[in-house]
Amino acid sequence: MNGHQATRADDLRLLEMLHLRDVEQWTAGQIPTRFGMTRSAVLGQMFRVDKVEPLDCLCRRKANRDGGMKPRWWRGQA
């Protein structure tokens, strides 16, 4: 590890990459060209996200549960 502290820009980039993969069905070969990254860098980030075990949802409102938010919710638009 290089000790890089993730920034908001890093978070937004990762959210967009996940959106492209999971919603738009982009491949690991297409995503890197959008962000100027290598395919290996994208695959590494996806691997680290995917290996995290999801926690049980404690949300009371259905809209806050997994799948309850619109695509690109972090942008404040649909």
PDB file of N, CA and C in Angstrom:
ATOM      1  N   MET A   1       0.848  -1.187   0.000  1.00  0.00           N
ATOM      2  CA  MET A   1       0.000   0.000   0.000  1.00  0.00           C
ATOM      3  C   MET A   1       0.886   1.241   0.000  1.00  0.00           C
ATOM      4  N   ASN A   2       0.446   2.224  -0.699  1.00  0.00           N
ATOM      5  CA  ASN A   2       1.222   3.452  -0.742  1.00  0.00           C
ATOM      6  C   ASN A   2       0.718   4.489   0.246  1.00  0.00           C
ATOM      7  N   GLY A   3      -0.313   4.156   1.011  1.00  0.00           N
ATOM      8  CA  GLY A   3      -0.829   5.075   2.000  1.00  0.00           C
ATOM      9  C   GLY A   3      -1.688   6.180   1.429  1.00  0.00           C
ATOM     10  N   HIS A   4      -2.153   6.020   0.206  1.00  0.00           N
ATOM     11  CA  HIS A   4      -3.000   7.038  -0.429  1.00  0.00           C
ATOM     12  C   HIS A   4      -4.324   7.140   0.313  1.00  0.00           C
ATOM     13  N   GLN A   5      -4.662   8.344   0.731  1.00  0.00           N
ATOM     14  CA  GLN A   5      -5.949   8.601   1.383  1.00  0.00           C
ATOM     15  C   GLN A   5      -6.971   8.931   0.300  1.00  0.00           C
ATOM     16  N   ALA A   6      -8.041   8.145   0.220  1.00  0.00           N
ATOM     17  CA  ALA A   6      -9.055   8.355  -0.816  1.00  0.00           C
ATOM     18  C   ALA A   6      -9.713   9.724  -0.652  1.00  0.00           C
ATOM     19  N   THR A   7      -9.887  10.397  -1.771  1.00  0.00           N
ATOM     20  CA  THR A   7     -10.537  11.708  -1.785  1.00  0.00           C
ATOM     21  C   THR A   7     -11.974  11.558  -2.283  1.00  0.00           C
ATOM     22  N   ARG A   8     -12.720  12.633  -2.207  1.00  0.00           N
ATOM     23  CA  ARG A   8     -14.085  12.611  -2.749  1.00  0.00           C
ATOM     24  C   ARG A   8     -14.055  12.323  -4.248  1.00  0.00           C
ATOM     25  N   ALA A   9     -13.075  12.870  -4.945  1.00  0.00           N
ATOM     26  CA  ALA A   9     -12.946  12.619  -6.385  1.00  0.00           C
ATOM     27  C   ALA A   9     -12.711  11.131  -6.655  1.00  0.00           C
ATOM     28  N   ASP A  10     -11.905  10.487  -5.808  1.00  0.00           N
ATOM     29  CA  ASP A  10     -11.679   9.043  -5.941  1.00  0.00           C
ATOM     30  C   ASP A  10     -12.982   8.275  -5.744  1.00  0.00           C
ATOM     31  N   ASP A  11     -13.753   8.677  -4.739  1.00  0.00           N
ATOM     32  CA  ASP A  11     -15.038   8.023  -4.464  1.00  0.00           C
ATOM     33  C   ASP A  11     -15.999   8.183  -5.637  1.00  0.00           C
ATOM     34  N   LEU A  12     -16.076   9.384  -6.184  1.00  0.00           N
ATOM     35  CA  LEU A  12     -16.979   9.639  -7.307  1.00  0.00           C
ATOM     36  C   LEU A  12     -16.561   8.848  -8.546  1.00  0.00           C
ATOM     37  N   ARG A  13     -15.257   8.755  -8.770  1.00  0.00           N
ATOM     38  CA  ARG A  13     -14.763   7.972  -9.906  1.00  0.00           C
ATOM     39  C   ARG A  13     -15.125   6.498  -9.740  1.00  0.00           C
ATOM     40  N   LEU A  14     -14.956   5.964  -8.541  1.00  0.00           N
ATOM     41  CA  LEU A  14     -15.290   4.564  -8.290  1.00  0.00           C
ATOM     42  C   LEU A  14     -16.791   4.318  -8.440  1.00  0.00           C
ATOM     43  N   LEU A  15     -17.610   5.225  -7.939  1.00  0.00           N
ATOM     44  CA  LEU A  15     -19.061   5.085  -8.103  1.00  0.00           C
ATOM     45  C   LEU A  15     -19.446   5.083  -9.582  1.00  0.00           C
ATOM     46  N   GLU A  16     -18.812   5.945 -10.356  1.00  0.00           N
ATOM     47  CA  GLU A  16     -19.110   5.993 -11.791  1.00  0.00           C
ATOM     48  C   GLU A  16     -18.647   4.705 -12.479  1.00  0.00           C
ATOM     49  N   MET A  17     -17.488   4.186 -12.098  1.00  0.00           N
ATOM     50  CA  MET A  17     -17.012   2.930 -12.678  1.00  0.00           C
ATOM     51  C   MET A  17     -17.967   1.789 -12.346  1.00  0.00           C
ATOM     52  N   LEU A  18     -18.446   1.728 -11.114  1.00  0.00           N
ATOM     53  CA  LEU A  18     -19.398   0.688 -10.726  1.00  0.00           C
ATOM     54  C   LEU A  18     -20.707   0.831 -11.495  1.00  0.00           C
ATOM     55  N   HIS A  19     -21.145   2.063 -11.699  1.00  0.00           N
ATOM     56  CA  HIS A  19     -22.361   2.299 -12.479  1.00  0.00           C
ATOM     57  C   HIS A  19     -22.182   1.793 -13.914  1.00  0.00           C
ATOM     58  N   LEU A  20     -21.058   2.128 -14.514  1.00  0.00           N
ATOM     59  CA  LEU A  20     -20.817   1.693 -15.889  1.00  0.00           C
ATOM     60  C   LEU A  20     -20.779   0.173 -15.991  1.00  0.00           C
ATOM     61  N   ARG A  21     -20.180  -0.475 -15.007  1.00  0.00           N
ATOM     62  CA  ARG A  21     -20.101  -1.937 -15.021  1.00  0.00           C
ATOM     63  C   ARG A  21     -21.450  -2.589 -14.746  1.00  0.00           C
ATOM     64  N   ASP A  22     -22.124  -2.148 -13.683  1.00  0.00           N
ATOM     65  CA  ASP A  22     -23.322  -2.840 -13.209  1.00  0.00           C
ATOM     66  C   ASP A  22     -24.610  -2.421 -13.904  1.00  0.00           C
ATOM     67  N   VAL A  23     -24.709  -1.173 -14.329  1.00  0.00           N
ATOM     68  CA  VAL A  23     -25.947  -0.679 -14.939  1.00  0.00           C
ATOM     69  C   VAL A  23     -25.815  -0.594 -16.460  1.00  0.00           C
ATOM     70  N   GLU A  24     -24.734   0.022 -16.924  1.00  0.00           N
ATOM     71  CA  GLU A  24     -24.544   0.210 -18.366  1.00  0.00           C
ATOM     72  C   GLU A  24     -23.926  -1.010 -19.047  1.00  0.00           C
ATOM     73  N   GLN A  25     -23.467  -1.984 -18.250  1.00  0.00           N
ATOM     74  CA  GLN A  25     -22.885  -3.235 -18.759  1.00  0.00           C
ATOM     75  C   GLN A  25     -21.606  -3.022 -19.578  1.00  0.00           C
ATOM     76  N   TRP A  26     -20.796  -2.039 -19.190  1.00  0.00           N
ATOM     77  CA  TRP A  26     -19.512  -1.834 -19.850  1.00  0.00           C
ATOM     78  C   TRP A  26     -18.564  -2.940 -19.415  1.00  0.00           C
ATOM     79  N   THR A  27     -17.594  -3.251 -20.258  1.00  0.00           N
ATOM     80  CA  THR A  27     -16.610  -4.280 -19.945  1.00  0.00           C
ATOM     81  C   THR A  27     -15.393  -3.648 -19.266  1.00  0.00           C
ATOM     82  N   ALA A  28     -14.549  -4.523 -18.727  1.00  0.00           N
ATOM     83  CA  ALA A  28     -13.313  -4.048 -18.094  1.00  0.00           C
ATOM     84  C   ALA A  28     -12.351  -3.476 -19.128  1.00  0.00           C
ATOM     85  N   GLY A  29     -12.593  -3.726 -20.387  1.00  0.00           N
ATOM     86  CA  GLY A  29     -11.787  -3.133 -21.441  1.00  0.00           C
ATOM     87  C   GLY A  29     -12.263  -1.748 -21.841  1.00  0.00           C
ATOM     88  N   GLN A  30     -13.543  -1.460 -21.621  1.00  0.00           N
ATOM     89  CA  GLN A  30     -14.105  -0.159 -21.994  1.00  0.00           C
ATOM     90  C   GLN A  30     -13.938   0.887 -20.891  1.00  0.00           C
ATOM     91  N   ILE A  31     -14.079   0.485 -19.651  1.00  0.00           N
ATOM     92  CA  ILE A  31     -14.056   1.426 -18.524  1.00  0.00           C
ATOM     93  C   ILE A  31     -12.742   2.202 -18.423  1.00  0.00           C
ATOM     94  N   PRO A  32     -11.581   1.556 -18.561  1.00  0.00           N
ATOM     95  CA  PRO A  32     -10.321   2.309 -18.402  1.00  0.00           C
ATOM     96  C   PRO A  32     -10.157   3.470 -19.376  1.00  0.00           C
ATOM     97  N   THR A  33     -10.672   3.333 -20.583  1.00  0.00           N
ATOM     98  CA  THR A  33     -10.508   4.418 -21.555  1.00  0.00           C
ATOM     99  C   THR A  33     -11.255   5.671 -21.123  1.00  0.00           C
ATOM    100  N   ARG A  34     -12.336   5.503 -20.401  1.00  0.00           N
ATOM    101  CA  ARG A  34     -13.133   6.643 -19.918  1.00  0.00           C
ATOM    102  C   ARG A  34     -12.376   7.443 -18.858  1.00  0.00           C
ATOM    103  N   PHE A  35     -11.550   6.758 -18.060  1.00  0.00           N
ATOM    104  CA  PHE A  35     -10.902   7.397 -16.916  1.00  0.00           C
ATOM    105  C   PHE A  35      -9.388   7.538 -17.065  1.00  0.00           C
ATOM    106  N   GLY A  36      -8.841   7.128 -18.188  1.00  0.00           N
ATOM    107  CA  GLY A  36      -7.400   7.228 -18.387  1.00  0.00           C
ATOM    108  C   GLY A  36      -6.619   6.334 -17.445  1.00  0.00           C
ATOM    109  N   MET A  37      -7.167   5.163 -17.169  1.00  0.00           N
ATOM    110  CA  MET A  37      -6.534   4.204 -16.263  1.00  0.00           C
ATOM    111  C   MET A  37      -6.184   2.948 -17.050  1.00  0.00           C
ATOM    112  N   THR A  38      -5.358   2.103 -16.460  1.00  0.00           N
ATOM    113  CA  THR A  38      -5.094   0.816 -17.081  1.00  0.00           C
ATOM    114  C   THR A  38      -6.213  -0.158 -16.726  1.00  0.00           C
ATOM    115  N   ARG A  39      -6.340  -1.189 -17.524  1.00  0.00           N
ATOM    116  CA  ARG A  39      -7.342  -2.224 -17.261  1.00  0.00           C
ATOM    117  C   ARG A  39      -7.062  -2.879 -15.911  1.00  0.00           C
ATOM    118  N   SER A  40      -5.792  -3.103 -15.609  1.00  0.00           N
ATOM    119  CA  SER A  40      -5.418  -3.728 -14.335  1.00  0.00           C
ATOM    120  C   SER A  40      -5.822  -2.872 -13.141  1.00  0.00           C
ATOM    121  N   ALA A  41      -5.676  -1.562 -13.261  1.00  0.00           N
ATOM    122  CA  ALA A  41      -6.066  -0.670 -12.162  1.00  0.00           C
ATOM    123  C   ALA A  41      -7.569  -0.740 -11.921  1.00  0.00           C
ATOM    124  N   VAL A  42      -8.341  -0.759 -12.999  1.00  0.00           N
ATOM    125  CA  VAL A  42      -9.797  -0.857 -12.869  1.00  0.00           C
ATOM    126  C   VAL A  42     -10.176  -2.200 -12.258  1.00  0.00           C
ATOM    127  N   LEU A  43      -9.589  -3.284 -12.757  1.00  0.00           N
ATOM    128  CA  LEU A  43      -9.895  -4.612 -12.218  1.00  0.00           C
ATOM    129  C   LEU A  43      -9.520  -4.712 -10.742  1.00  0.00           C
ATOM    130  N   GLY A  44      -8.415  -4.091 -10.347  1.00  0.00           N
ATOM    131  CA  GLY A  44      -8.011  -4.099  -8.942  1.00  0.00           C
ATOM    132  C   GLY A  44      -9.021  -3.396  -8.053  1.00  0.00           C
ATOM    133  N   GLN A  45      -9.517  -2.259  -8.498  1.00  0.00           N
ATOM    134  CA  GLN A  45     -10.521  -1.545  -7.704  1.00  0.00           C
ATOM    135  C   GLN A  45     -11.816  -2.336  -7.623  1.00  0.00           C
ATOM    136  N   MET A  46     -12.235  -2.926  -8.736  1.00  0.00           N
ATOM    137  CA  MET A  46     -13.462  -3.730  -8.742  1.00  0.00           C
ATOM    138  C   MET A  46     -13.318  -4.943  -7.829  1.00  0.00           C
ATOM    139  N   PHE A  47     -12.143  -5.570  -7.854  1.00  0.00           N
ATOM    140  CA  PHE A  47     -11.898  -6.729  -7.000  1.00  0.00           C
ATOM    141  C   PHE A  47     -12.020  -6.352  -5.529  1.00  0.00           C
ATOM    142  N   ARG A  48     -11.420  -5.231  -5.147  1.00  0.00           N
ATOM    143  CA  ARG A  48     -11.474  -4.821  -3.741  1.00  0.00           C
ATOM    144  C   ARG A  48     -12.891  -4.482  -3.301  1.00  0.00           C
ATOM    145  N   VAL A  49     -13.685  -3.906  -4.189  1.00  0.00           N
ATOM    146  CA  VAL A  49     -15.085  -3.604  -3.856  1.00  0.00           C
ATOM    147  C   VAL A  49     -15.887  -4.892  -3.738  1.00  0.00           C
ATOM    148  N   ASP A  50     -15.693  -5.797  -4.693  1.00  0.00           N
ATOM    149  CA  ASP A  50     -16.484  -7.026  -4.732  1.00  0.00           C
ATOM    150  C   ASP A  50     -16.166  -7.986  -3.591  1.00  0.00           C
ATOM    151  N   LYS A  51     -14.944  -7.942  -3.058  1.00  0.00           N
ATOM    152  CA  LYS A  51     -14.587  -8.906  -2.015  1.00  0.00           C
ATOM    153  C   LYS A  51     -15.117  -8.515  -0.628  1.00  0.00           C
ATOM    154  N   VAL A  52     -15.596  -7.305  -0.472  1.00  0.00           N
ATOM    155  CA  VAL A  52     -16.142  -6.864   0.811  1.00  0.00           C
ATOM    156  C   VAL A  52     -17.489  -7.535   1.036  1.00  0.00           C
ATOM    157  N   GLU A  53     -17.654  -8.156   2.187  1.00  0.00           N
ATOM    158  CA  GLU A  53     -18.912  -8.815   2.521  1.00  0.00           C
ATOM    159  C   GLU A  53     -19.958  -7.763   2.877  1.00  0.00           C
ATOM    160  N   PRO A  54     -21.125  -7.821   2.240  1.00  0.00           N
ATOM    161  CA  PRO A  54     -22.172  -6.847   2.580  1.00  0.00           C
ATOM    162  C   PRO A  54     -22.710  -7.079   3.987  1.00  0.00           C
ATOM    163  N   LEU A  55     -23.058  -6.012   4.645  1.00  0.00           N
ATOM    164  CA  LEU A  55     -23.644  -6.091   5.979  1.00  0.00           C
ATOM    165  C   LEU A  55     -25.155  -6.147   5.858  1.00  0.00           C
ATOM    166  N   ASP A  56     -25.801  -6.687   6.865  1.00  0.00           N
ATOM    167  CA  ASP A  56     -27.258  -6.676   6.882  1.00  0.00           C
ATOM    168  C   ASP A  56     -27.741  -5.231   6.906  1.00  0.00           C
ATOM    169  N   CYS A  57     -28.751  -4.955   6.121  1.00  0.00           N
ATOM    170  CA  CYS A  57     -29.295  -3.602   6.034  1.00  0.00           C
ATOM    171  C   CYS A  57     -30.151  -3.307   7.263  1.00  0.00           C
ATOM    172  N   LEU A  58     -29.845  -2.239   7.953  1.00  0.00           N
ATOM    173  CA  LEU A  58     -30.609  -1.823   9.124  1.00  0.00           C
ATOM    174  C   LEU A  58     -31.517  -0.638   8.803  1.00  0.00           C
ATOM    175  N   CYS A  59     -31.628  -0.314   7.515  1.00  0.00           N
ATOM    176  CA  CYS A  59     -32.441   0.831   7.094  1.00  0.00           C
ATOM    177  C   CYS A  59     -33.917   0.571   7.362  1.00  0.00           C
ATOM    178  N   ARG A  60     -34.588   1.577   7.848  1.00  0.00           N
ATOM    179  CA  ARG A  60     -36.024   1.460   8.101  1.00  0.00           C
ATOM    180  C   ARG A  60     -36.829   1.801   6.860  1.00  0.00           C
ATOM    181  N   ARG A  61     -36.355   2.770   6.088  1.00  0.00           N
ATOM    182  CA  ARG A  61     -37.068   3.189   4.877  1.00  0.00           C
ATOM    183  C   ARG A  61     -36.631   2.321   3.696  1.00  0.00           C
ATOM    184  N   LYS A  62     -37.607   1.807   2.956  1.00  0.00           N
ATOM    185  CA  LYS A  62     -37.318   0.960   1.808  1.00  0.00           C
ATOM    186  C   LYS A  62     -36.442   1.680   0.778  1.00  0.00           C
ATOM    187  N   ALA A  63     -36.650   2.977   0.619  1.00  0.00           N
ATOM    188  CA  ALA A  63     -35.886   3.752  -0.362  1.00  0.00           C
ATOM    189  C   ALA A  63     -34.394   3.773  -0.050  1.00  0.00           C
ATOM    190  N   ASN A  64     -34.014   3.508   1.194  1.00  0.00           N
ATOM    191  CA  ASN A  64     -32.609   3.535   1.587  1.00  0.00           C
ATOM    192  C   ASN A  64     -31.939   2.167   1.500  1.00  0.00           C
ATOM    193  N   ARG A  65     -32.693   1.144   1.189  1.00  0.00           N
ATOM    194  CA  ARG A  65     -32.135  -0.206   1.110  1.00  0.00           C
ATOM    195  C   ARG A  65     -31.458  -0.422  -0.235  1.00  0.00           C
ATOM    196  N   ASP A  66     -30.702  -1.512  -0.331  1.00  0.00           N
ATOM    197  CA  ASP A  66     -30.033  -1.841  -1.586  1.00  0.00           C
ATOM    198  C   ASP A  66     -31.038  -1.894  -2.719  1.00  0.00           C
ATOM    199  N   GLY A  67     -30.711  -1.242  -3.802  1.00  0.00           N
ATOM    200  CA  GLY A  67     -31.590  -1.202  -4.960  1.00  0.00           C
ATOM    201  C   GLY A  67     -32.678  -0.151  -4.868  1.00  0.00           C
ATOM    202  N   GLY A  68     -32.719   0.585  -3.777  1.00  0.00           N
ATOM    203  CA  GLY A  68     -33.773   1.576  -3.593  1.00  0.00           C
ATOM    204  C   GLY A  68     -33.448   2.949  -4.138  1.00  0.00           C
ATOM    205  N   MET A  69     -32.198   3.153  -4.527  1.00  0.00           N
ATOM    206  CA  MET A  69     -31.800   4.466  -5.027  1.00  0.00           C
ATOM    207  C   MET A  69     -31.687   4.437  -6.546  1.00  0.00           C
ATOM    208  N   LYS A  70     -31.930   5.559  -7.165  1.00  0.00           N
ATOM    209  CA  LYS A  70     -31.867   5.673  -8.617  1.00  0.00           C
ATOM    210  C   LYS A  70     -30.414   5.608  -9.084  1.00  0.00           C
ATOM    211  N   PRO A  71     -30.213   5.196 -10.348  1.00  0.00           N
ATOM    212  CA  PRO A  71     -28.853   5.227 -10.891  1.00  0.00           C
ATOM    213  C   PRO A  71     -28.260   6.637 -10.783  1.00  0.00           C
ATOM    214  N   ARG A  72     -26.993   6.674 -10.505  1.00  0.00           N
ATOM    215  CA  ARG A  72     -26.240   7.930 -10.366  1.00  0.00           C
ATOM    216  C   ARG A  72     -26.811   8.840  -9.283  1.00  0.00           C
ATOM    217  N   TRP A  73     -27.263   8.257  -8.195  1.00  0.00           N
ATOM    218  CA  TRP A  73     -27.816   9.020  -7.073  1.00  0.00           C
ATOM    219  C   TRP A  73     -26.804  10.012  -6.519  1.00  0.00           C
ATOM    220  N   TRP A  74     -25.515   9.698  -6.606  1.00  0.00           N
ATOM    221  CA  TRP A  74     -24.480  10.572  -6.043  1.00  0.00           C
ATOM    222  C   TRP A  74     -24.357  11.882  -6.812  1.00  0.00           C
ATOM    223  N   ARG A  75     -24.897  11.937  -8.011  1.00  0.00           N
ATOM    224  CA  ARG A  75     -24.866  13.168  -8.799  1.00  0.00           C
ATOM    225  C   ARG A  75     -26.061  14.058  -8.514  1.00  0.00           C
ATOM    226  N   GLY A  76     -27.057  13.521  -7.834  1.00  0.00           N
ATOM    227  CA  GLY A  76     -28.259  14.288  -7.561  1.00  0.00           C
ATOM    228  C   GLY A  76     -29.201  14.341  -8.748  1.00  0.00           C
ATOM    229  N   GLN A  77     -29.022  13.399  -9.672  1.00  0.00           N
ATOM    230  CA  GLN A  77     -29.891  13.330 -10.847  1.00  0.00           C
ATOM    231  C   GLN A  77     -30.057  11.876 -11.258  1.00  0.00           C
ATOM    232  N   ALA A  78     -31.028  11.595 -12.078  1.00  0.00           N
ATOM    233  CA  ALA A  78     -31.266  10.222 -12.552  1.00  0.00           C
ATOM    234  C   ALA A  78     -30.596   9.988 -13.878  1.00  0.00           C
TER     235      ALA A  78
END
